[in-house]
Amino acid sequence: VASAIEIATRNRFVAVQRALNRIGYGPVAEDGLPSDEVANAVRRFELDNGLPITGEPDEQVVERLVSIGAMQSI
């Protein structure tokens, strides 16, 4: 059984995946699971937006996605 934290983390990841697809950084699976495709999409987004290149959908990535209207705040 998944914990509430695991569910929240997976839901956040799905939201980031969906946003990346929406703004042209996909196609990536919207399954809430990490993959090379997602990491590469995040790196391209970070590069294009002047963020540190980590490949992780961290708080800076989420904040930028929200600020450009690609996703809602979570």
PDB file of N, CA and C in Angstrom:
ATOM      1  N   VAL A   1       0.857  -1.182   0.000  1.00  0.00           N
ATOM      2  CA  VAL A   1       0.000   0.000   0.000  1.00  0.00           C
ATOM      3  C   VAL A   1       0.894   1.233   0.000  1.00  0.00           C
ATOM      4  N   ALA A   2       0.630   2.148  -0.894  1.00  0.00           N
ATOM      5  CA  ALA A   2       1.419   3.369  -0.997  1.00  0.00           C
ATOM      6  C   ALA A   2       1.039   4.343   0.103  1.00  0.00           C
ATOM      7  N   SER A   3       2.036   5.028   0.628  1.00  0.00           N
ATOM      8  CA  SER A   3       1.783   6.043   1.652  1.00  0.00           C
ATOM      9  C   SER A   3       1.255   7.308   0.998  1.00  0.00           C
ATOM     10  N   ALA A   4       0.724   8.190   1.823  1.00  0.00           N
ATOM     11  CA  ALA A   4       0.218   9.466   1.310  1.00  0.00           C
ATOM     12  C   ALA A   4       1.343  10.269   0.660  1.00  0.00           C
ATOM     13  N   ILE A   5       2.543  10.180   1.202  1.00  0.00           N
ATOM     14  CA  ILE A   5       3.680  10.908   0.635  1.00  0.00           C
ATOM     15  C   ILE A   5       4.037  10.339  -0.733  1.00  0.00           C
ATOM     16  N   GLU A   6       4.030   9.011  -0.853  1.00  0.00           N
ATOM     17  CA  GLU A   6       4.329   8.388  -2.140  1.00  0.00           C
ATOM     18  C   GLU A   6       3.288   8.765  -3.189  1.00  0.00           C
ATOM     19  N   ILE A   7       2.043   8.785  -2.794  1.00  0.00           N
ATOM     20  CA  ILE A   7       0.962   9.159  -3.719  1.00  0.00           C
ATOM     21  C   ILE A   7       1.113  10.619  -4.134  1.00  0.00           C
ATOM     22  N   ALA A   8       1.388  11.504  -3.183  1.00  0.00           N
ATOM     23  CA  ALA A   8       1.560  12.926  -3.495  1.00  0.00           C
ATOM     24  C   ALA A   8       2.754  13.136  -4.422  1.00  0.00           C
ATOM     25  N   THR A   9       3.839  12.418  -4.163  1.00  0.00           N
ATOM     26  CA  THR A   9       5.033  12.535  -5.008  1.00  0.00           C
ATOM     27  C   THR A   9       4.730  12.067  -6.425  1.00  0.00           C
ATOM     28  N   ARG A  10       4.032  10.961  -6.542  1.00  0.00           N
ATOM     29  CA  ARG A  10       3.688  10.435  -7.873  1.00  0.00           C
ATOM     30  C   ARG A  10       2.732  11.373  -8.602  1.00  0.00           C
ATOM     31  N   ASN A  11       1.749  11.929  -7.898  1.00  0.00           N
ATOM     32  CA  ASN A  11       0.815  12.881  -8.510  1.00  0.00           C
ATOM     33  C   ASN A  11       1.547  14.123  -8.994  1.00  0.00           C
ATOM     34  N   ARG A  12       2.503  14.595  -8.206  1.00  0.00           N
ATOM     35  CA  ARG A  12       3.300  15.767  -8.602  1.00  0.00           C
ATOM     36  C   ARG A  12       4.094  15.434  -9.861  1.00  0.00           C
ATOM     37  N   PHE A  13       4.676  14.241  -9.900  1.00  0.00           N
ATOM     38  CA  PHE A  13       5.467  13.833 -11.051  1.00  0.00           C
ATOM     39  C   PHE A  13       4.602  13.748 -12.298  1.00  0.00           C
ATOM     40  N   VAL A  14       3.398  13.213 -12.159  1.00  0.00           N
ATOM     41  CA  VAL A  14       2.464  13.149 -13.295  1.00  0.00           C
ATOM     42  C   VAL A  14       2.152  14.566 -13.781  1.00  0.00           C
ATOM     43  N   ALA A  15       1.921  15.491 -12.865  1.00  0.00           N
ATOM     44  CA  ALA A  15       1.611  16.876 -13.245  1.00  0.00           C
ATOM     45  C   ALA A  15       2.777  17.492 -14.019  1.00  0.00           C
ATOM     46  N   VAL A  16       4.000  17.231 -13.586  1.00  0.00           N
ATOM     47  CA  VAL A  16       5.182  17.741 -14.300  1.00  0.00           C
ATOM     48  C   VAL A  16       5.281  17.093 -15.678  1.00  0.00           C
ATOM     49  N   GLN A  17       5.076  15.772 -15.753  1.00  0.00           N
ATOM     50  CA  GLN A  17       5.124  15.086 -17.043  1.00  0.00           C
ATOM     51  C   GLN A  17       4.080  15.659 -18.004  1.00  0.00           C
ATOM     52  N   ARG A  18       2.874  15.865 -17.509  1.00  0.00           N
ATOM     53  CA  ARG A  18       1.794  16.409 -18.330  1.00  0.00           C
ATOM     54  C   ARG A  18       2.161  17.811 -18.827  1.00  0.00           C
ATOM     55  N   ALA A  19       2.714  18.628 -17.927  1.00  0.00           N
ATOM     56  CA  ALA A  19       3.095  19.995 -18.295  1.00  0.00           C
ATOM     57  C   ALA A  19       4.197  19.985 -19.354  1.00  0.00           C
ATOM     58  N   LEU A  20       5.189  19.131 -19.185  1.00  0.00           N
ATOM     59  CA  LEU A  20       6.271  19.052 -20.172  1.00  0.00           C
ATOM     60  C   LEU A  20       5.727  18.644 -21.537  1.00  0.00           C
ATOM     61  N   ASN A  21       4.811  17.695 -21.571  1.00  0.00           N
ATOM     62  CA  ASN A  21       4.178  17.314 -22.840  1.00  0.00           C
ATOM     63  C   ASN A  21       3.410  18.487 -23.432  1.00  0.00           C
ATOM     64  N   ARG A  22       2.672  19.194 -22.599  1.00  0.00           N
ATOM     65  CA  ARG A  22       1.816  20.289 -23.045  1.00  0.00           C
ATOM     66  C   ARG A  22       2.624  21.394 -23.723  1.00  0.00           C
ATOM     67  N   ILE A  23       3.845  21.651 -23.210  1.00  0.00           N
ATOM     68  CA  ILE A  23       4.619  22.772 -23.752  1.00  0.00           C
ATOM     69  C   ILE A  23       5.733  22.328 -24.703  1.00  0.00           C
ATOM     70  N   GLY A  24       5.648  21.073 -25.176  1.00  0.00           N
ATOM     71  CA  GLY A  24       6.530  20.639 -26.246  1.00  0.00           C
ATOM     72  C   GLY A  24       7.832  19.981 -25.847  1.00  0.00           C
ATOM     73  N   TYR A  25       7.959  19.538 -24.613  1.00  0.00           N
ATOM     74  CA  TYR A  25       9.184  18.861 -24.195  1.00  0.00           C
ATOM     75  C   TYR A  25       9.035  17.341 -24.194  1.00  0.00           C
ATOM     76  N   GLY A  26       7.921  16.843 -24.669  1.00  0.00           N
ATOM     77  CA  GLY A  26       7.675  15.407 -24.726  1.00  0.00           C
ATOM     78  C   GLY A  26       8.034  14.874 -26.087  1.00  0.00           C
ATOM     79  N   PRO A  27       7.518  13.707 -26.386  1.00  0.00           N
ATOM     80  CA  PRO A  27       6.551  12.993 -25.560  1.00  0.00           C
ATOM     81  C   PRO A  27       7.226  12.224 -24.430  1.00  0.00           C
ATOM     82  N   VAL A  28       6.642  12.349 -23.254  1.00  0.00           N
ATOM     83  CA  VAL A  28       7.051  11.529 -22.119  1.00  0.00           C
ATOM     84  C   VAL A  28       5.790  10.867 -21.564  1.00  0.00           C
ATOM     85  N   ALA A  29       5.961   9.687 -20.999  1.00  0.00           N
ATOM     86  CA  ALA A  29       4.833   8.981 -20.399  1.00  0.00           C
ATOM     87  C   ALA A  29       4.321   9.768 -19.197  1.00  0.00           C
ATOM     88  N   GLU A  30       3.016   9.831 -19.053  1.00  0.00           N
ATOM     89  CA  GLU A  30       2.395  10.509 -17.907  1.00  0.00           C
ATOM     90  C   GLU A  30       1.977   9.451 -16.889  1.00  0.00           C
ATOM     91  N   ASP A  31       2.997   8.770 -16.344  1.00  0.00           N
ATOM     92  CA  ASP A  31       2.734   7.652 -15.447  1.00  0.00           C
ATOM     93  C   ASP A  31       3.255   7.855 -14.026  1.00  0.00           C
ATOM     94  N   GLY A  32       3.882   9.001 -13.774  1.00  0.00           N
ATOM     95  CA  GLY A  32       4.373   9.270 -12.432  1.00  0.00           C
ATOM     96  C   GLY A  32       5.667   8.566 -12.093  1.00  0.00           C
ATOM     97  N   LEU A  33       6.288   7.948 -13.085  1.00  0.00           N
ATOM     98  CA  LEU A  33       7.517   7.198 -12.840  1.00  0.00           C
ATOM     99  C   LEU A  33       8.710   7.884 -13.498  1.00  0.00           C
ATOM    100  N   PRO A  34       9.840   7.905 -12.815  1.00  0.00           N
ATOM    101  CA  PRO A  34      11.038   8.492 -13.423  1.00  0.00           C
ATOM    102  C   PRO A  34      11.519   7.650 -14.602  1.00  0.00           C
ATOM    103  N   SER A  35      12.107   8.305 -15.572  1.00  0.00           N
ATOM    104  CA  SER A  35      12.675   7.615 -16.735  1.00  0.00           C
ATOM    105  C   SER A  35      13.721   8.522 -17.361  1.00  0.00           C
ATOM    106  N   ASP A  36      14.524   7.942 -18.237  1.00  0.00           N
ATOM    107  CA  ASP A  36      15.518   8.742 -18.961  1.00  0.00           C
ATOM    108  C   ASP A  36      14.833   9.814 -19.798  1.00  0.00           C
ATOM    109  N   GLU A  37      13.689   9.473 -20.405  1.00  0.00           N
ATOM    110  CA  GLU A  37      12.969  10.443 -21.234  1.00  0.00           C
ATOM    111  C   GLU A  37      12.525  11.653 -20.409  1.00  0.00           C
ATOM    112  N   VAL A  38      12.015  11.393 -19.213  1.00  0.00           N
ATOM    113  CA  VAL A  38      11.576  12.494 -18.350  1.00  0.00           C
ATOM    114  C   VAL A  38      12.780  13.328 -17.920  1.00  0.00           C
ATOM    115  N   ALA A  39      13.846  12.679 -17.503  1.00  0.00           N
ATOM    116  CA  ALA A  39      15.042  13.415 -17.075  1.00  0.00           C
ATOM    117  C   ALA A  39      15.575  14.289 -18.212  1.00  0.00           C
ATOM    118  N   ASN A  40      15.588  13.760 -19.427  1.00  0.00           N
ATOM    119  CA  ASN A  40      16.059  14.543 -20.577  1.00  0.00           C
ATOM    120  C   ASN A  40      15.132  15.710 -20.874  1.00  0.00           C
ATOM    121  N   ALA A  41      13.821  15.496 -20.761  1.00  0.00           N
ATOM    122  CA  ALA A  41      12.868  16.587 -20.979  1.00  0.00           C
ATOM    123  C   ALA A  41      13.053  17.668 -19.926  1.00  0.00           C
ATOM    124  N   VAL A  42      13.253  17.256 -18.686  1.00  0.00           N
ATOM    125  CA  VAL A  42      13.473  18.238 -17.610  1.00  0.00           C
ATOM    126  C   VAL A  42      14.767  19.000 -17.874  1.00  0.00           C
ATOM    127  N   ARG A  43      15.830  18.311 -18.278  1.00  0.00           N
ATOM    128  CA  ARG A  43      17.099  18.996 -18.576  1.00  0.00           C
ATOM    129  C   ARG A  43      16.927  20.026 -19.692  1.00  0.00           C
ATOM    130  N   ARG A  44      16.205  19.676 -20.744  1.00  0.00           N
ATOM    131  CA  ARG A  44      15.975  20.639 -21.839  1.00  0.00           C
ATOM    132  C   ARG A  44      15.195  21.842 -21.328  1.00  0.00           C
ATOM    133  N   PHE A  45      14.177  21.586 -20.506  1.00  0.00           N
ATOM    134  CA  PHE A  45      13.386  22.679 -19.937  1.00  0.00           C
ATOM    135  C   PHE A  45      14.260  23.554 -19.046  1.00  0.00           C
ATOM    136  N   GLU A  46      15.086  22.928 -18.208  1.00  0.00           N
ATOM    137  CA  GLU A  46      15.976  23.699 -17.326  1.00  0.00           C
ATOM    138  C   GLU A  46      16.925  24.563 -18.154  1.00  0.00           C
ATOM    139  N   LEU A  47      17.517  23.985 -19.185  1.00  0.00           N
ATOM    140  CA  LEU A  47      18.440  24.717 -20.045  1.00  0.00           C
ATOM    141  C   LEU A  47      17.749  25.918 -20.689  1.00  0.00           C
ATOM    142  N   ASP A  48      16.574  25.699 -21.236  1.00  0.00           N
ATOM    143  CA  ASP A  48      15.835  26.770 -21.908  1.00  0.00           C
ATOM    144  C   ASP A  48      15.378  27.863 -20.946  1.00  0.00           C
ATOM    145  N   ASN A  49      15.284  27.541 -19.661  1.00  0.00           N
ATOM    146  CA  ASN A  49      14.747  28.489 -18.686  1.00  0.00           C
ATOM    147  C   ASN A  49      15.784  28.988 -17.686  1.00  0.00           C
ATOM    148  N   GLY A  50      17.056  28.752 -17.970  1.00  0.00           N
ATOM    149  CA  GLY A  50      18.129  29.283 -17.140  1.00  0.00           C
ATOM    150  C   GLY A  50      18.194  28.683 -15.737  1.00  0.00           C
ATOM    151  N   LEU A  51      17.721  27.454 -15.611  1.00  0.00           N
ATOM    152  CA  LEU A  51      17.748  26.783 -14.312  1.00  0.00           C
ATOM    153  C   LEU A  51      18.960  25.860 -14.244  1.00  0.00           C
ATOM    154  N   PRO A  52      19.403  25.527 -13.026  1.00  0.00           N
ATOM    155  CA  PRO A  52      20.476  24.536 -12.909  1.00  0.00           C
ATOM    156  C   PRO A  52      20.051  23.223 -13.573  1.00  0.00           C
ATOM    157  N   ILE A  53      20.971  22.602 -14.304  1.00  0.00           N
ATOM    158  CA  ILE A  53      20.650  21.394 -15.060  1.00  0.00           C
ATOM    159  C   ILE A  53      20.789  20.177 -14.138  1.00  0.00           C
ATOM    160  N   THR A  54      19.642  19.650 -13.707  1.00  0.00           N
ATOM    161  CA  THR A  54      19.650  18.510 -12.791  1.00  0.00           C
ATOM    162  C   THR A  54      18.918  17.301 -13.361  1.00  0.00           C
ATOM    163  N   GLY A  55      17.956  17.535 -14.225  1.00  0.00           N
ATOM    164  CA  GLY A  55      17.131  16.440 -14.726  1.00  0.00           C
ATOM    165  C   GLY A  55      16.091  15.981 -13.731  1.00  0.00           C
ATOM    166  N   GLU A  56      15.991  16.686 -12.603  1.00  0.00           N
ATOM    167  CA  GLU A  56      15.029  16.334 -11.561  1.00  0.00           C
ATOM    168  C   GLU A  56      13.879  17.346 -11.550  1.00  0.00           C
ATOM    169  N   PRO A  57      12.648  16.885 -11.459  1.00  0.00           N
ATOM    170  CA  PRO A  57      11.517  17.821 -11.394  1.00  0.00           C
ATOM    171  C   PRO A  57      11.388  18.426  -9.985  1.00  0.00           C
ATOM    172  N   ASP A  58      12.401  19.217  -9.628  1.00  0.00           N
ATOM    173  CA  ASP A  58      12.457  19.780  -8.283  1.00  0.00           C
ATOM    174  C   ASP A  58      11.586  21.024  -8.167  1.00  0.00           C
ATOM    175  N   GLU A  59      11.678  21.672  -7.022  1.00  0.00           N
ATOM    176  CA  GLU A  59      10.816  22.826  -6.745  1.00  0.00           C
ATOM    177  C   GLU A  59      11.027  23.955  -7.756  1.00  0.00           C
ATOM    178  N   GLN A  60      12.277  24.187  -8.177  1.00  0.00           N
ATOM    179  CA  GLN A  60      12.530  25.253  -9.161  1.00  0.00           C
ATOM    180  C   GLN A  60      11.835  24.952 -10.482  1.00  0.00           C
ATOM    181  N   VAL A  61      11.878  23.715 -10.906  1.00  0.00           N
ATOM    182  CA  VAL A  61      11.220  23.321 -12.161  1.00  0.00           C
ATOM    183  C   VAL A  61       9.712  23.514 -12.031  1.00  0.00           C
ATOM    184  N   VAL A  62       9.147  23.041 -10.923  1.00  0.00           N
ATOM    185  CA  VAL A  62       7.701  23.186 -10.709  1.00  0.00           C
ATOM    186  C   VAL A  62       7.315  24.664 -10.674  1.00  0.00           C
ATOM    187  N   GLU A  63       8.075  25.474  -9.947  1.00  0.00           N
ATOM    188  CA  GLU A  63       7.767  26.910  -9.869  1.00  0.00           C
ATOM    189  C   GLU A  63       7.793  27.558 -11.241  1.00  0.00           C
ATOM    190  N   ARG A  64       8.767  27.192 -12.081  1.00  0.00           N
ATOM    191  CA  ARG A  64       8.854  27.785 -13.418  1.00  0.00           C
ATOM    192  C   ARG A  64       7.694  27.309 -14.287  1.00  0.00           C
ATOM    193  N   LEU A  65       7.343  26.032 -14.199  1.00  0.00           N
ATOM    194  CA  LEU A  65       6.200  25.515 -14.954  1.00  0.00           C
ATOM    195  C   LEU A  65       4.915  26.233 -14.548  1.00  0.00           C
ATOM    196  N   VAL A  66       4.756  26.492 -13.278  1.00  0.00           N
ATOM    197  CA  VAL A  66       3.578  27.217 -12.793  1.00  0.00           C
ATOM    198  C   VAL A  66       3.616  28.656 -13.290  1.00  0.00           C
ATOM    199  N   SER A  67       4.787  29.303 -13.197  1.00  0.00           N
ATOM    200  CA  SER A  67       4.889  30.723 -13.557  1.00  0.00           C
ATOM    201  C   SER A  67       4.616  30.973 -15.033  1.00  0.00           C
ATOM    202  N   ILE A  68       4.898  29.975 -15.893  1.00  0.00           N
ATOM    203  CA  ILE A  68       4.635  30.172 -17.327  1.00  0.00           C
ATOM    204  C   ILE A  68       3.267  29.631 -17.726  1.00  0.00           C
ATOM    205  N   GLY A  69       2.523  29.139 -16.740  1.00  0.00           N
ATOM    206  CA  GLY A  69       1.155  28.693 -17.012  1.00  0.00           C
ATOM    207  C   GLY A  69       1.042  27.284 -17.568  1.00  0.00           C
ATOM    208  N   ALA A  70       2.128  26.499 -17.483  1.00  0.00           N
ATOM    209  CA  ALA A  70       2.089  25.139 -18.010  1.00  0.00           C
ATOM    210  C   ALA A  70       1.401  24.176 -17.055  1.00  0.00           C
ATOM    211  N   MET A  71       1.352  24.548 -15.778  1.00  0.00           N
ATOM    212  CA  MET A  71       0.674  23.701 -14.801  1.00  0.00           C
ATOM    213  C   MET A  71       0.194  24.560 -13.639  1.00  0.00           C
ATOM    214  N   GLN A  72      -0.722  24.016 -12.873  1.00  0.00           N
ATOM    215  CA  GLN A  72      -1.221  24.714 -11.699  1.00  0.00           C
ATOM    216  C   GLN A  72      -0.353  24.390 -10.516  1.00  0.00           C
ATOM    217  N   SER A  73      -0.331  25.285  -9.557  1.00  0.00           N
ATOM    218  CA  SER A  73       0.435  25.081  -8.343  1.00  0.00           C
ATOM    219  C   SER A  73      -0.089  23.846  -7.605  1.00  0.00           C
ATOM    220  N   ILE A  74       0.848  23.092  -7.030  1.00  0.00           N
ATOM    221  CA  ILE A  74       0.472  21.894  -6.265  1.00  0.00           C
ATOM    222  C   ILE A  74       1.057  21.946  -4.873  1.00  0.00           C
TER     223      ILE A  74
END
